[in-house]
Amino acid sequence: MLFVGVLQLTIVLHVRNTLIDSASEGARYAAQSGHVPADGAARTRELVGQSLADSYTHGVTATTTRIDGLDEIEVEVVAPLPLLGLLGPAGSLTVQGHALAETP
């Protein structure tokens, strides 16, 4: 039982870290001059799909927010919590990536 618990925790942390990295990369991509938030969401979906599974790409959104007078891109990923390997119908995991938008 202990081994299965440690293995499950390892899988959850791997998925979480992969989602955070993908969301951050998508936000940085969308923040580049000439790109829009939808470009960042598409980049995030591409990275998540390559790294995990297509079922993890459905909850990706990207928006522009304003913080202290600066535009910021936020990419959010809501994905299933992997309870049995990379499967898992119960629970969800929400992560965000942020980047300051470049000004043209």
C-alpha atoms as a PDB file:
ATOM      1  CA  MET A   1       0.000   0.000   0.000  1.00  0.00           C
ATOM      2  CA  LEU A   2       2.786   2.420   0.855  1.00  0.00           C
ATOM      3  CA  PHE A   3       4.425   1.873  -2.532  1.00  0.00           C
ATOM      4  CA  VAL A   4       1.147   2.524  -4.373  1.00  0.00           C
ATOM      5  CA  GLY A   5       0.598   5.701  -2.332  1.00  0.00           C
ATOM      6  CA  VAL A   6       4.072   7.021  -3.105  1.00  0.00           C
ATOM      7  CA  LEU A   7       3.679   6.118  -6.774  1.00  0.00           C
ATOM      8  CA  GLN A   8       0.331   7.924  -6.929  1.00  0.00           C
ATOM      9  CA  LEU A   9       1.778  11.031  -5.265  1.00  0.00           C
ATOM     10  CA  THR A  10       4.643  11.002  -7.752  1.00  0.00           C
ATOM     11  CA  ILE A  11       2.222  10.868 -10.692  1.00  0.00           C
ATOM     12  CA  VAL A  12       0.098  13.715  -9.302  1.00  0.00           C
ATOM     13  CA  LEU A  13       3.176  15.902  -8.766  1.00  0.00           C
ATOM     14  CA  HIS A  14       4.452  15.121 -12.259  1.00  0.00           C
ATOM     15  CA  VAL A  15       1.108  16.098 -13.812  1.00  0.00           C
ATOM     16  CA  ARG A  16       0.886  19.271 -11.700  1.00  0.00           C
ATOM     17  CA  ASN A  17       4.426  20.382 -12.584  1.00  0.00           C
ATOM     18  CA  THR A  18       3.884  19.636 -16.277  1.00  0.00           C
ATOM     19  CA  LEU A  19       0.660  21.673 -16.289  1.00  0.00           C
ATOM     20  CA  ILE A  20       2.328  24.610 -14.499  1.00  0.00           C
ATOM     21  CA  ASP A  21       5.244  24.589 -16.928  1.00  0.00           C
ATOM     22  CA  SER A  22       2.920  24.399 -19.950  1.00  0.00           C
ATOM     23  CA  ALA A  23       0.684  27.216 -18.646  1.00  0.00           C
ATOM     24  CA  SER A  24       3.712  29.408 -17.939  1.00  0.00           C
ATOM     25  CA  GLU A  25       5.151  28.780 -21.394  1.00  0.00           C
ATOM     26  CA  GLY A  26       1.772  29.545 -22.977  1.00  0.00           C
ATOM     27  CA  ALA A  27       1.546  32.811 -21.025  1.00  0.00           C
ATOM     28  CA  ARG A  28       5.056  33.830 -22.088  1.00  0.00           C
ATOM     29  CA  TYR A  29       4.202  33.015 -25.711  1.00  0.00           C
ATOM     30  CA  ALA A  30       0.987  35.064 -25.613  1.00  0.00           C
ATOM     31  CA  ALA A  31       2.804  37.955 -23.915  1.00  0.00           C
ATOM     32  CA  GLN A  32       5.131  38.436 -26.880  1.00  0.00           C
ATOM     33  CA  SER A  33       4.428  41.440 -29.078  1.00  0.00           C
ATOM     34  CA  GLY A  34       2.044  40.533 -31.891  1.00  0.00           C
ATOM     35  CA  HIS A  35       0.368  37.639 -30.062  1.00  0.00           C
ATOM     36  CA  VAL A  36      -3.028  37.453 -28.355  1.00  0.00           C
ATOM     37  CA  PRO A  37      -4.187  35.382 -25.351  1.00  0.00           C
ATOM     38  CA  ALA A  38      -5.738  32.780 -27.661  1.00  0.00           C
ATOM     39  CA  ASP A  39      -2.241  32.071 -29.027  1.00  0.00           C
ATOM     40  CA  GLY A  40      -1.086  31.272 -25.509  1.00  0.00           C
ATOM     41  CA  ALA A  41      -4.029  28.968 -24.883  1.00  0.00           C
ATOM     42  CA  ALA A  42      -3.302  27.119 -28.138  1.00  0.00           C
ATOM     43  CA  ARG A  43       0.396  26.791 -27.237  1.00  0.00           C
ATOM     44  CA  THR A  44      -0.524  25.474 -23.796  1.00  0.00           C
ATOM     45  CA  ARG A  45      -2.924  22.906 -25.288  1.00  0.00           C
ATOM     46  CA  GLU A  46      -0.200  21.777 -27.672  1.00  0.00           C
ATOM     47  CA  LEU A  47       2.364  21.326 -24.883  1.00  0.00           C
ATOM     48  CA  VAL A  48      -0.047  19.551 -22.534  1.00  0.00           C
ATOM     49  CA  GLY A  49      -1.229  17.257 -25.330  1.00  0.00           C
ATOM     50  CA  GLN A  50       2.360  16.319 -26.184  1.00  0.00           C
ATOM     51  CA  SER A  51       3.360  15.756 -22.551  1.00  0.00           C
ATOM     52  CA  LEU A  52       0.292  14.108 -21.017  1.00  0.00           C
ATOM     53  CA  ALA A  53      -2.944  13.268 -22.832  1.00  0.00           C
ATOM     54  CA  ASP A  54      -5.584  15.097 -24.847  1.00  0.00           C
ATOM     55  CA  SER A  55      -8.062  14.812 -21.959  1.00  0.00           C
ATOM     56  CA  TYR A  56      -5.924  17.327 -20.057  1.00  0.00           C
ATOM     57  CA  THR A  57      -6.249  20.009 -22.782  1.00  0.00           C
ATOM     58  CA  HIS A  58      -9.972  20.756 -22.542  1.00  0.00           C
ATOM     59  CA  GLY A  59      -9.856  23.220 -19.634  1.00  0.00           C
ATOM     60  CA  VAL A  60      -7.314  25.730 -20.967  1.00  0.00           C
ATOM     61  CA  THR A  61      -8.223  29.430 -20.943  1.00  0.00           C
ATOM     62  CA  ALA A  62      -6.179  32.592 -21.405  1.00  0.00           C
ATOM     63  CA  THR A  63      -7.053  36.161 -20.471  1.00  0.00           C
ATOM     64  CA  THR A  64      -5.452  39.577 -20.230  1.00  0.00           C
ATOM     65  CA  THR A  65      -5.577  41.280 -16.848  1.00  0.00           C
ATOM     66  CA  ARG A  66      -4.222  44.603 -15.633  1.00  0.00           C
ATOM     67  CA  ILE A  67      -2.083  44.749 -12.496  1.00  0.00           C
ATOM     68  CA  ASP A  68      -0.603  48.037 -11.279  1.00  0.00           C
ATOM     69  CA  GLY A  69      -1.037  49.578 -14.721  1.00  0.00           C
ATOM     70  CA  LEU A  70       0.677  46.712 -16.561  1.00  0.00           C
ATOM     71  CA  ASP A  71      -0.989  44.177 -18.847  1.00  0.00           C
ATOM     72  CA  GLU A  72      -0.500  40.587 -17.805  1.00  0.00           C
ATOM     73  CA  ILE A  73      -1.418  37.373 -19.602  1.00  0.00           C
ATOM     74  CA  GLU A  74      -2.859  34.617 -17.416  1.00  0.00           C
ATOM     75  CA  VAL A  75      -3.243  31.081 -18.723  1.00  0.00           C
ATOM     76  CA  GLU A  76      -5.321  28.758 -16.545  1.00  0.00           C
ATOM     77  CA  VAL A  77      -5.534  24.994 -16.890  1.00  0.00           C
ATOM     78  CA  VAL A  78      -8.244  22.963 -15.166  1.00  0.00           C
ATOM     79  CA  ALA A  79      -7.469  19.266 -15.589  1.00  0.00           C
ATOM     80  CA  PRO A  80      -8.626  16.004 -14.038  1.00  0.00           C
ATOM     81  CA  LEU A  81      -6.756  14.894 -10.935  1.00  0.00           C
ATOM     82  CA  PRO A  82      -5.011  11.642 -11.865  1.00  0.00           C
ATOM     83  CA  LEU A  83      -6.170   9.183  -9.235  1.00  0.00           C
ATOM     84  CA  LEU A  84      -5.325   5.902 -10.985  1.00  0.00           C
ATOM     85  CA  GLY A  85      -2.265   6.389 -13.117  1.00  0.00           C
ATOM     86  CA  LEU A  86      -3.122   9.058 -15.696  1.00  0.00           C
ATOM     87  CA  LEU A  87      -6.833   8.247 -15.392  1.00  0.00           C
ATOM     88  CA  GLY A  88      -9.181   9.636 -12.818  1.00  0.00           C
ATOM     89  CA  PRO A  89     -12.766  10.797 -13.038  1.00  0.00           C
ATOM     90  CA  ALA A  90     -12.930  12.419  -9.593  1.00  0.00           C
ATOM     91  CA  GLY A  91     -11.494  15.794  -8.664  1.00  0.00           C
ATOM     92  CA  SER A  92      -9.676  18.422 -10.664  1.00  0.00           C
ATOM     93  CA  LEU A  93      -6.435  20.312 -10.560  1.00  0.00           C
ATOM     94  CA  THR A  94      -6.230  24.054 -11.364  1.00  0.00           C
ATOM     95  CA  VAL A  95      -2.952  25.795 -12.187  1.00  0.00           C
ATOM     96  CA  GLN A  96      -2.041  29.174 -13.698  1.00  0.00           C
ATOM     97  CA  GLY A  97       0.833  30.680 -15.612  1.00  0.00           C
ATOM     98  CA  HIS A  98       1.483  34.441 -15.779  1.00  0.00           C
ATOM     99  CA  ALA A  99       3.610  36.746 -17.917  1.00  0.00           C
ATOM    100  CA  LEU A 100       3.839  40.509 -18.408  1.00  0.00           C
ATOM    101  CA  ALA A 101       2.735  41.528 -21.896  1.00  0.00           C
ATOM    102  CA  GLU A 102       5.306  43.177 -24.139  1.00  0.00           C
ATOM    103  CA  THR A 103       4.391  46.601 -25.420  1.00  0.00           C
ATOM    104  CA  PRO A 104       4.846  47.154 -29.170  1.00  0.00           C
END
